[in-house]
Amino acid sequence: QVQLVESGGGLVQAGGSLRLSCAASGRTFSSYYMAWFRQAPGKEREFVAGVARSGGSTYYADSVKGRFTISRDNAKNTVYLQMYSLKPEDTAVYYCAAVRSFSGPVVAGTTYDYWGQGTQVTVSS
């Protein structure tokens, strides 16, 4: 089992940047595929980015490709989401998620077994 705690959210102007962190408990962090999702008010949760267990492979939603970078540090049990060129439409609660064995698509929230509590990102225009 793993517990996830996000941090780094806040208020930023359009065009700015933020870095989110997700710290995981446990000694098997490197066994989990990690991802970031987000949910804006009145909208469904959506996949943002994912990173393989070794950190060598990443996957992004089209809406953030080229602006966001996901990475992980297995020695620190932490996954990051570096966000650049932020837009008002990036405003959402951002969640990190973990899965050990895939039973569905990478982009589906139902695939993931563990979730953090979320961190708010607000981008002003």
Foldseek 3Di string as FASTA:
>chain_A
DKAKAKDWADEEAAQAKTKMKIAMDDLPLLLKKKFKWWDDPPGDIWTAKIAHSVRPDMDGDPVQPPFWDWGDDSVRRMIMIIGGRDDQVVWTWMKMFIDRDAPDDPTDPVRTDYIYPTDTHGYHD
